[in-house]
Amino acid sequence: MPETLNAPWMHREDLLGLVAALGEGNARYVGGAVRDTLLDLPVKDIDMATVLLPEAVIERLDAAGIRNVPTGIEHGTVTAVLPHGPVEITTLRHDVSTDGRRATVAFAEDWREDAARRDFTINALYADPQGGEIHDWFDGLADLSARHVRFIGDARQRIREDHLRILRYFRFQARFGSSPADTEAEAACSELAATLKGLSRERVGMETMNLLGLPDPAPTVQRMRELGVLEVILPEADPDALAVLVAAERMQGIAPEAIRRLAALLPPQPTLAEQVAARFRLSAAQKKRLALAAAREGSPGEPRALAYRLGRDRALDRLLIAGADVSTLAGWEIPTMPLKGGQIVARGVGAGPDVARILRRVEDRWIAEGFPQGERVDVLLDEVLAEEPLA
């Protein structure tokens, strides 16, 4: 791994202005932006660490005309709102006390001390914005090169500080790790798995969904079951079903979706799906989609008919979980039923439930015939009306 960082995003005009406002030597890029640049991955979020206190950060940004928001001022974080995206600027910190769910921090002046409180070595890489020099106190560069996800210091201690680090470890292992995984990290996660019960359901749900949204989380989820971690957060899960779904998505070129992966992990029981959605604090839309995926029974049926009745995403959920071919949905626009109730009334049917019933019967035939248009729809209506003589 190189010991300097040089990427196009570092030369953005808005970032250069931000660095100038903070002052030479006062701030460094840290975390994901550094890590992902070194791996030639797209950089989504840019974070900076600084020796300046939050009040000084705000003062300097105001003086430079840079809009800023005190998004986490109690923890030393100020967000600079830049034209090409926000940048979180956090004062160097060290932990005063931790209880596994939250930490009390104090501001620090030592860069290494700030790095030591981070979770993994690959996340504790700092880069000077001027010359790109990388500062690495815990062999993060070597771990990044080896795709080795490792806690900083004692793994058990880091997990006791923040229990969510168990799930973060598996997410980072699924995204960046190689095999075999770090034995100390796995042992610590297994030993302390029960501590996840003390976390808020929302935090557990969010981290689990982030894991499931990765390209191929199946081997990691399987390992979580073997280590007793999955049993704590999702005892109903079947990792084998997830592996089948991931393979089907990959073979058919379908982008991964975390909610579909969660549906695959769960048995086909809508009530249970709703309970899991509530446990993970999912949105109402996610809860409905999860329950619909769980309502699957036997063969999902013809893909286009299913997509018409359920919508494309919900149809894909059922089809892919079943391992069915979804190629007929590629580029296909779901049609609108060409027959309206008024057309049935015009044929002499009194307004009311009879119209709705006839419309449903015609629609069923229209779907079964592959959504024909034009005169064929009138013929289908004639056929249904002939079977139901008007009063």
Protein backbone atom coordinates (compact mmCIF):
# COMPACT_ATOMS: atom_id res chain seq x y z
CA MET A 1 0.00 0.00 0.00
CA PRO A 2 1.29 3.53 -0.76
CA GLU A 3 2.13 5.80 2.14
CA THR A 4 0.67 8.88 0.49
CA LEU A 5 -2.85 9.59 -0.72
CA ASN A 6 -3.58 11.36 -3.99
CA ALA A 7 -7.07 11.24 -5.41
CA PRO A 8 -9.13 13.55 -7.65
CA TRP A 9 -11.60 14.29 -4.87
CA MET A 10 -8.80 15.77 -2.75
CA HIS A 11 -8.38 18.53 -5.36
CA ARG A 12 -11.99 19.66 -5.35
CA GLU A 13 -12.24 23.41 -5.07
CA ASP A 14 -14.71 23.27 -2.19
CA LEU A 15 -12.49 20.89 -0.21
CA LEU A 16 -9.41 23.00 -0.82
CA GLY A 17 -11.34 25.97 0.52
CA LEU A 18 -12.38 23.99 3.58
CA VAL A 19 -8.82 22.88 4.31
CA ALA A 20 -7.59 26.46 3.96
CA ALA A 21 -10.29 27.68 6.34
CA LEU A 22 -9.31 25.14 9.02
CA GLY A 23 -5.64 26.04 8.72
CA GLU A 24 -2.51 24.13 7.77
CA GLY A 25 -1.83 21.11 9.97
CA ASN A 26 -5.11 21.41 11.85
CA ALA A 27 -7.13 18.72 10.05
CA ARG A 28 -6.70 15.36 8.34
CA TYR A 29 -8.91 13.10 6.28
CA VAL A 30 -9.81 9.94 8.17
CA GLY A 31 -11.69 6.67 7.90
CA GLY A 32 -13.69 5.50 4.92
CA ALA A 33 -12.53 8.11 2.42
CA VAL A 34 -8.90 7.15 3.02
CA ARG A 35 -9.60 3.42 3.13
CA ASP A 36 -11.75 3.33 0.00
CA THR A 37 -9.37 5.52 -2.00
CA LEU A 38 -6.53 3.13 -1.23
CA LEU A 39 -8.73 0.26 -2.45
CA ASP A 40 -9.71 2.13 -5.63
CA LEU A 41 -13.32 2.17 -4.53
CA PRO A 42 -15.77 5.08 -4.97
CA VAL A 43 -15.65 7.53 -2.09
CA LYS A 44 -19.12 8.37 -0.78
CA ASP A 45 -18.56 10.20 2.49
CA ILE A 46 -15.63 12.38 3.51
CA ASP A 47 -14.77 12.82 7.17
CA MET A 48 -12.08 14.90 8.78
CA ALA A 49 -10.50 14.91 12.22
CA THR A 50 -9.13 18.12 13.71
CA VAL A 51 -7.18 19.41 16.68
CA LEU A 52 -9.48 22.43 16.77
CA LEU A 53 -12.31 22.57 19.28
CA PRO A 54 -15.81 22.65 17.78
CA GLU A 55 -16.28 26.32 18.59
CA ALA A 56 -13.07 27.15 16.73
CA VAL A 57 -14.17 25.06 13.76
CA ILE A 58 -17.47 26.96 13.57
CA GLU A 59 -15.70 30.29 13.91
CA ARG A 60 -13.26 29.53 11.10
CA LEU A 61 -15.94 28.19 8.78
CA ASP A 62 -18.15 31.22 9.42
CA ALA A 63 -15.23 33.52 8.68
CA ALA A 64 -14.65 31.72 5.37
CA GLY A 65 -18.32 31.89 4.44
CA ILE A 66 -18.74 28.11 4.61
CA ARG A 67 -22.17 27.05 5.78
CA ASN A 68 -21.99 24.67 8.73
CA VAL A 69 -24.29 22.74 11.04
CA PRO A 70 -23.46 21.55 14.59
CA THR A 71 -24.74 18.04 13.87
CA GLY A 72 -23.06 16.38 16.85
CA ILE A 73 -21.60 19.23 18.80
CA GLU A 74 -21.70 17.33 22.11
CA HIS A 75 -19.36 14.77 20.54
CA GLY A 76 -17.28 17.37 18.72
CA THR A 77 -18.78 17.07 15.23
CA VAL A 78 -19.53 19.99 12.94
CA THR A 79 -20.74 19.39 9.38
CA ALA A 80 -19.48 21.67 6.64
CA VAL A 81 -22.11 21.96 3.92
CA LEU A 82 -20.16 22.09 0.66
CA PRO A 83 -21.37 22.30 -2.97
CA HIS A 84 -20.24 18.73 -3.71
CA GLY A 85 -21.42 17.15 -0.47
CA PRO A 86 -21.20 17.55 3.30
CA VAL A 87 -18.02 16.89 5.26
CA GLU A 88 -18.11 15.92 8.93
CA ILE A 89 -15.33 17.52 10.96
CA THR A 90 -14.77 16.00 14.40
CA THR A 91 -12.43 17.17 17.14
CA LEU A 92 -9.88 14.60 18.33
CA ARG A 93 -11.33 12.58 21.20
CA HIS A 94 -10.64 9.94 23.78
CA ASP A 95 -13.17 7.86 25.72
CA VAL A 96 -13.84 8.78 29.32
CA SER A 97 -16.37 6.00 29.95
CA THR A 98 -18.32 3.45 27.91
CA ASP A 99 -21.14 1.04 28.70
CA GLY A 100 -21.47 -0.84 25.42
CA ARG A 101 -24.24 1.39 24.14
CA ARG A 102 -22.89 4.93 24.39
CA ALA A 103 -19.62 6.62 25.21
CA THR A 104 -18.70 9.70 27.19
CA VAL A 105 -15.84 11.41 25.40
CA ALA A 106 -13.39 14.20 26.10
CA PHE A 107 -11.57 16.24 23.53
CA ALA A 108 -7.93 15.40 22.93
CA GLU A 109 -4.91 16.86 21.19
CA ASP A 110 -3.06 13.67 20.25
CA TRP A 111 -3.76 12.09 16.86
CA ARG A 112 -2.74 8.62 17.97
CA GLU A 113 -5.07 8.80 20.95
CA ASP A 114 -7.96 9.60 18.62
CA ALA A 115 -6.99 6.70 16.33
CA ALA A 116 -6.80 4.29 19.26
CA ARG A 117 -10.49 4.71 20.07
CA ARG A 118 -11.62 3.66 16.57
CA ASP A 119 -12.84 0.15 15.84
CA PHE A 120 -10.69 -1.47 13.13
CA THR A 121 -7.16 -0.84 11.95
CA ILE A 122 -8.33 -0.20 8.38
CA ASN A 123 -10.56 2.61 9.67
CA ALA A 124 -7.79 4.33 11.62
CA LEU A 125 -5.87 5.72 8.66
CA TYR A 126 -5.39 9.50 8.51
CA ALA A 127 -4.17 11.51 5.53
CA ASP A 128 -2.81 15.05 5.44
CA PRO A 129 -4.87 17.07 2.96
CA GLN A 130 -1.86 19.08 1.75
CA GLY A 131 0.72 16.42 0.89
CA GLY A 132 -1.35 13.27 1.27
CA GLU A 133 0.95 11.71 3.89
CA ILE A 134 -0.77 8.75 5.54
CA HIS A 135 -0.54 8.30 9.30
CA ASP A 136 -0.94 4.70 10.42
CA TRP A 137 -0.28 3.72 14.05
CA PHE A 138 -1.81 0.22 14.05
CA ASP A 139 -0.64 -1.43 10.80
CA GLY A 140 -3.85 -0.58 9.01
CA LEU A 141 -2.08 -0.31 5.66
CA ALA A 142 -0.77 -3.85 5.94
CA ASP A 143 -4.19 -5.13 7.01
CA LEU A 144 -5.83 -3.31 4.12
CA SER A 145 -3.38 -4.84 1.67
CA ALA A 146 -4.07 -8.30 3.10
CA ARG A 147 -7.83 -7.68 3.31
CA HIS A 148 -7.57 -8.45 7.01
CA VAL A 149 -10.28 -6.97 9.26
CA ARG A 150 -8.83 -6.63 12.75
CA PHE A 151 -9.84 -4.76 15.87
CA ILE A 152 -7.48 -2.15 17.24
CA GLY A 153 -6.00 -3.53 20.44
CA ASP A 154 -7.93 -6.09 22.45
CA ALA A 155 -11.01 -7.23 20.51
CA ARG A 156 -13.05 -8.01 23.63
CA GLN A 157 -12.36 -4.63 25.12
CA ARG A 158 -13.37 -2.85 21.92
CA ILE A 159 -16.65 -4.78 21.85
CA ARG A 160 -17.34 -4.04 25.51
CA GLU A 161 -16.98 -0.35 24.66
CA ASP A 162 -19.62 -0.62 21.93
CA HIS A 163 -21.54 -3.86 21.46
CA LEU A 164 -22.60 -2.86 17.95
CA ARG A 165 -19.00 -3.44 16.88
CA ILE A 166 -19.87 -7.14 16.66
CA LEU A 167 -22.19 -6.49 13.75
CA ARG A 168 -19.87 -3.88 12.29
CA TYR A 169 -17.10 -6.47 12.30
CA PHE A 170 -19.17 -8.89 10.23
CA ARG A 171 -20.24 -6.15 7.85
CA PHE A 172 -16.65 -5.10 7.27
CA GLN A 173 -15.58 -8.72 6.95
CA ALA A 174 -18.24 -9.25 4.27
CA ARG A 175 -17.17 -6.12 2.41
CA PHE A 176 -13.40 -6.08 2.81
CA GLY A 177 -12.29 -9.28 4.48
CA SER A 178 -10.50 -12.31 3.13
CA SER A 179 -10.42 -15.89 4.35
CA PRO A 180 -9.47 -17.03 6.91
CA ALA A 181 -10.93 -14.32 9.12
CA ASP A 182 -9.23 -12.90 12.20
CA THR A 183 -9.46 -15.62 14.85
CA GLU A 184 -9.31 -13.21 17.80
CA ALA A 185 -12.10 -11.08 16.35
CA GLU A 186 -14.34 -14.08 15.71
CA ALA A 187 -13.72 -15.50 19.18
CA ALA A 188 -14.55 -12.18 20.80
CA CYS A 189 -17.73 -11.74 18.74
CA SER A 190 -18.87 -15.25 19.63
CA GLU A 191 -18.07 -14.87 23.32
CA LEU A 192 -19.86 -11.51 23.63
CA ALA A 193 -22.73 -12.14 21.22
CA ALA A 194 -25.31 -11.94 23.99
CA THR A 195 -24.40 -8.29 24.61
CA LEU A 196 -26.24 -7.42 21.40
CA LYS A 197 -29.49 -7.89 23.34
CA GLY A 198 -28.74 -4.66 25.21
CA LEU A 199 -28.71 -2.52 22.08
CA SER A 200 -31.66 -0.66 20.62
CA ARG A 201 -33.56 -2.66 18.02
CA GLU A 202 -33.19 0.18 15.56
CA ARG A 203 -29.37 0.10 15.73
CA VAL A 204 -29.30 -3.68 15.31
CA GLY A 205 -31.78 -3.52 12.45
CA MET A 206 -29.89 -0.80 10.63
CA GLU A 207 -26.55 -2.60 10.89
CA THR A 208 -28.11 -5.90 9.81
CA MET A 209 -29.72 -4.29 6.77
CA ASN A 210 -26.40 -2.63 5.86
CA LEU A 211 -24.78 -6.07 5.92
CA LEU A 212 -27.51 -7.66 3.82
CA GLY A 213 -27.21 -4.95 1.19
CA LEU A 214 -23.61 -5.89 0.36
CA PRO A 215 -22.84 -7.82 -2.86
CA ASP A 216 -22.56 -11.25 -1.19
CA PRO A 217 -23.23 -11.41 2.55
CA ALA A 218 -24.21 -15.10 2.51
CA PRO A 219 -20.87 -16.63 3.65
CA THR A 220 -20.61 -14.07 6.45
CA VAL A 221 -24.19 -14.65 7.60
CA GLN A 222 -23.49 -18.38 7.62
CA ARG A 223 -20.41 -17.74 9.78
CA MET A 224 -22.50 -15.60 12.13
CA ARG A 225 -24.78 -18.60 12.65
CA GLU A 226 -21.82 -20.88 13.34
CA LEU A 227 -20.48 -18.43 15.93
CA GLY A 228 -23.83 -18.00 17.68
CA VAL A 229 -24.28 -14.36 16.68
CA LEU A 230 -27.18 -14.80 14.26
CA GLU A 231 -29.15 -16.67 16.91
CA VAL A 232 -29.15 -13.51 19.05
CA ILE A 233 -30.39 -11.03 16.44
CA LEU A 234 -32.38 -13.21 14.02
CA PRO A 235 -32.97 -16.74 15.35
CA GLU A 236 -35.51 -17.43 12.58
CA ALA A 237 -32.91 -17.01 9.82
CA ASP A 238 -31.95 -19.66 7.27
CA PRO A 239 -28.56 -18.68 5.74
CA ASP A 240 -28.85 -21.43 3.10
CA ALA A 241 -31.89 -19.69 1.60
CA LEU A 242 -29.94 -16.44 1.45
CA ALA A 243 -27.14 -18.14 -0.49
CA VAL A 244 -29.67 -19.42 -3.04
CA LEU A 245 -31.11 -15.93 -3.51
CA VAL A 246 -27.71 -14.27 -3.89
CA ALA A 247 -26.77 -16.84 -6.53
CA ALA A 248 -30.03 -16.20 -8.41
CA GLU A 249 -29.52 -12.42 -8.30
CA ARG A 250 -25.97 -12.72 -9.55
CA MET A 251 -26.83 -15.15 -12.35
CA GLN A 252 -29.67 -12.94 -13.62
CA GLY A 253 -27.93 -9.60 -13.13
CA ILE A 254 -30.33 -8.27 -10.50
CA ALA A 255 -29.01 -5.64 -8.09
CA PRO A 256 -29.00 -6.67 -4.43
CA GLU A 257 -31.63 -5.32 -2.08
CA ALA A 258 -31.40 -5.77 1.67
CA ILE A 259 -35.14 -6.18 2.21
CA ARG A 260 -35.29 -9.02 -0.33
CA ARG A 261 -32.32 -10.73 1.36
CA LEU A 262 -34.06 -10.41 4.74
CA ALA A 263 -37.21 -11.95 3.22
CA ALA A 264 -35.17 -14.88 1.93
CA LEU A 265 -33.71 -15.49 5.38
CA LEU A 266 -37.18 -15.75 6.92
CA PRO A 267 -39.65 -18.63 6.56
CA PRO A 268 -42.84 -17.99 4.51
CA GLN A 269 -44.88 -16.75 7.45
CA PRO A 270 -46.35 -13.23 7.04
CA THR A 271 -47.07 -12.78 10.74
CA LEU A 272 -43.47 -13.62 11.63
CA ALA A 273 -42.23 -11.25 8.91
CA GLU A 274 -44.25 -8.44 10.44
CA GLN A 275 -42.81 -9.23 13.86
CA VAL A 276 -39.26 -9.08 12.50
CA ALA A 277 -40.02 -5.81 10.74
CA ALA A 278 -41.24 -4.36 14.04
CA ARG A 279 -38.20 -5.73 15.84
CA PHE A 280 -35.85 -4.06 13.37
CA ARG A 281 -37.91 -0.86 13.33
CA LEU A 282 -38.38 -1.04 9.57
CA SER A 283 -40.54 1.46 7.73
CA ALA A 284 -44.20 0.76 6.95
CA ALA A 285 -43.33 0.19 3.29
CA GLN A 286 -40.56 -2.25 4.18
CA LYS A 287 -42.85 -4.09 6.60
CA LYS A 288 -45.50 -4.51 3.88
CA ARG A 289 -42.96 -5.71 1.33
CA LEU A 290 -41.47 -8.20 3.79
CA ALA A 291 -44.92 -9.59 4.63
CA LEU A 292 -45.86 -9.94 0.96
CA ALA A 293 -42.64 -11.82 0.26
CA ALA A 294 -43.42 -14.09 3.20
CA ALA A 295 -46.89 -14.85 1.76
CA ARG A 296 -45.28 -16.96 -0.94
CA GLU A 297 -46.72 -20.45 -1.42
CA GLY A 298 -45.51 -22.96 -3.96
CA SER A 299 -44.62 -21.71 -7.43
CA PRO A 300 -44.75 -17.93 -7.83
CA GLY A 301 -46.44 -18.31 -11.20
CA GLU A 302 -45.98 -16.42 -14.46
CA PRO A 303 -43.58 -13.46 -13.88
CA ARG A 304 -45.51 -10.79 -15.76
CA ALA A 305 -48.82 -11.75 -14.18
CA LEU A 306 -47.18 -11.59 -10.76
CA ALA A 307 -45.60 -8.22 -11.51
CA TYR A 308 -48.96 -6.83 -12.65
CA ARG A 309 -50.68 -7.92 -9.46
CA LEU A 310 -47.93 -7.14 -6.93
CA GLY A 311 -45.67 -4.60 -8.61
CA ARG A 312 -42.23 -5.22 -10.10
CA ASP A 313 -40.13 -5.18 -6.90
CA ARG A 314 -42.47 -7.41 -4.94
CA ALA A 315 -42.72 -9.82 -7.84
CA LEU A 316 -38.94 -9.96 -8.11
CA ASP A 317 -38.78 -10.79 -4.42
CA ARG A 318 -40.95 -13.87 -4.78
CA LEU A 319 -39.51 -14.97 -8.11
CA LEU A 320 -35.85 -14.70 -7.11
CA ILE A 321 -36.37 -16.32 -3.71
CA ALA A 322 -37.95 -19.21 -5.60
CA GLY A 323 -35.05 -19.29 -8.06
CA ALA A 324 -37.35 -18.49 -11.00
CA ASP A 325 -36.33 -16.87 -14.29
CA VAL A 326 -37.14 -13.14 -14.33
CA SER A 327 -35.84 -12.33 -17.81
CA THR A 328 -39.33 -11.63 -19.18
CA LEU A 329 -39.57 -8.61 -16.84
CA ALA A 330 -36.48 -6.93 -18.29
CA GLY A 331 -37.56 -3.73 -20.02
CA TRP A 332 -41.24 -4.65 -19.70
CA GLU A 333 -43.61 -1.86 -18.70
CA ILE A 334 -46.52 -2.99 -16.55
CA PRO A 335 -49.67 -2.21 -18.61
CA THR A 336 -52.84 -0.53 -17.43
CA MET A 337 -56.09 -2.45 -17.62
CA PRO A 338 -57.79 -0.96 -20.75
CA LEU A 339 -61.33 -1.73 -19.58
CA LYS A 340 -63.12 0.66 -17.21
CA GLY A 341 -66.25 0.24 -15.14
CA GLY A 342 -68.12 2.82 -17.19
CA GLN A 343 -67.76 0.68 -20.30
CA ILE A 344 -69.44 -2.20 -18.49
CA VAL A 345 -72.29 0.04 -17.28
CA ALA A 346 -72.73 1.20 -20.91
CA ARG A 347 -73.39 -2.43 -21.79
CA GLY A 348 -76.44 -2.46 -19.54
CA VAL A 349 -74.97 -3.63 -16.22
CA GLY A 350 -76.28 -1.71 -13.23
CA ALA A 351 -73.67 0.20 -11.28
CA GLY A 352 -72.58 -1.64 -8.15
CA PRO A 353 -70.92 -4.91 -7.15
CA ASP A 354 -71.84 -6.61 -10.46
CA VAL A 355 -69.59 -4.19 -12.35
CA ALA A 356 -66.64 -4.86 -10.05
CA ARG A 357 -67.15 -8.62 -10.31
CA ILE A 358 -67.35 -8.58 -14.11
CA LEU A 359 -64.33 -6.30 -14.32
CA ARG A 360 -62.31 -8.74 -12.19
CA ARG A 361 -63.32 -11.69 -14.39
CA VAL A 362 -62.34 -9.85 -17.58
CA GLU A 363 -59.08 -8.76 -15.97
CA ASP A 364 -58.23 -12.35 -15.01
CA ARG A 365 -58.69 -13.48 -18.62
CA TRP A 366 -56.79 -10.45 -19.92
CA ILE A 367 -53.82 -11.31 -17.68
CA ALA A 368 -53.95 -15.00 -18.61
CA GLU A 369 -53.81 -14.08 -22.32
CA GLY A 370 -50.74 -11.91 -21.85
CA PHE A 371 -52.37 -8.44 -21.64
CA PRO A 372 -53.86 -8.08 -25.15
CA GLN A 373 -55.05 -4.68 -26.35
CA GLY A 374 -57.67 -3.34 -28.71
CA GLU A 375 -60.62 -5.41 -29.91
CA ARG A 376 -59.57 -8.48 -27.95
CA VAL A 377 -60.55 -6.74 -24.71
CA ASP A 378 -64.05 -6.17 -26.08
CA VAL A 379 -64.25 -9.84 -27.02
CA LEU A 380 -63.26 -10.85 -23.48
CA LEU A 381 -66.00 -8.62 -22.10
CA ASP A 382 -68.51 -10.16 -24.50
CA GLU A 383 -67.53 -13.62 -23.33
CA VAL A 384 -67.97 -12.76 -19.66
CA LEU A 385 -71.29 -11.01 -20.25
CA ALA A 386 -72.54 -14.01 -22.25
CA GLU A 387 -71.83 -16.21 -19.23
CA GLU A 388 -73.72 -13.77 -16.97
CA PRO A 389 -76.98 -12.79 -18.69
CA LEU A 390 -78.23 -9.34 -17.77
CA ALA A 391 -81.34 -9.08 -15.62
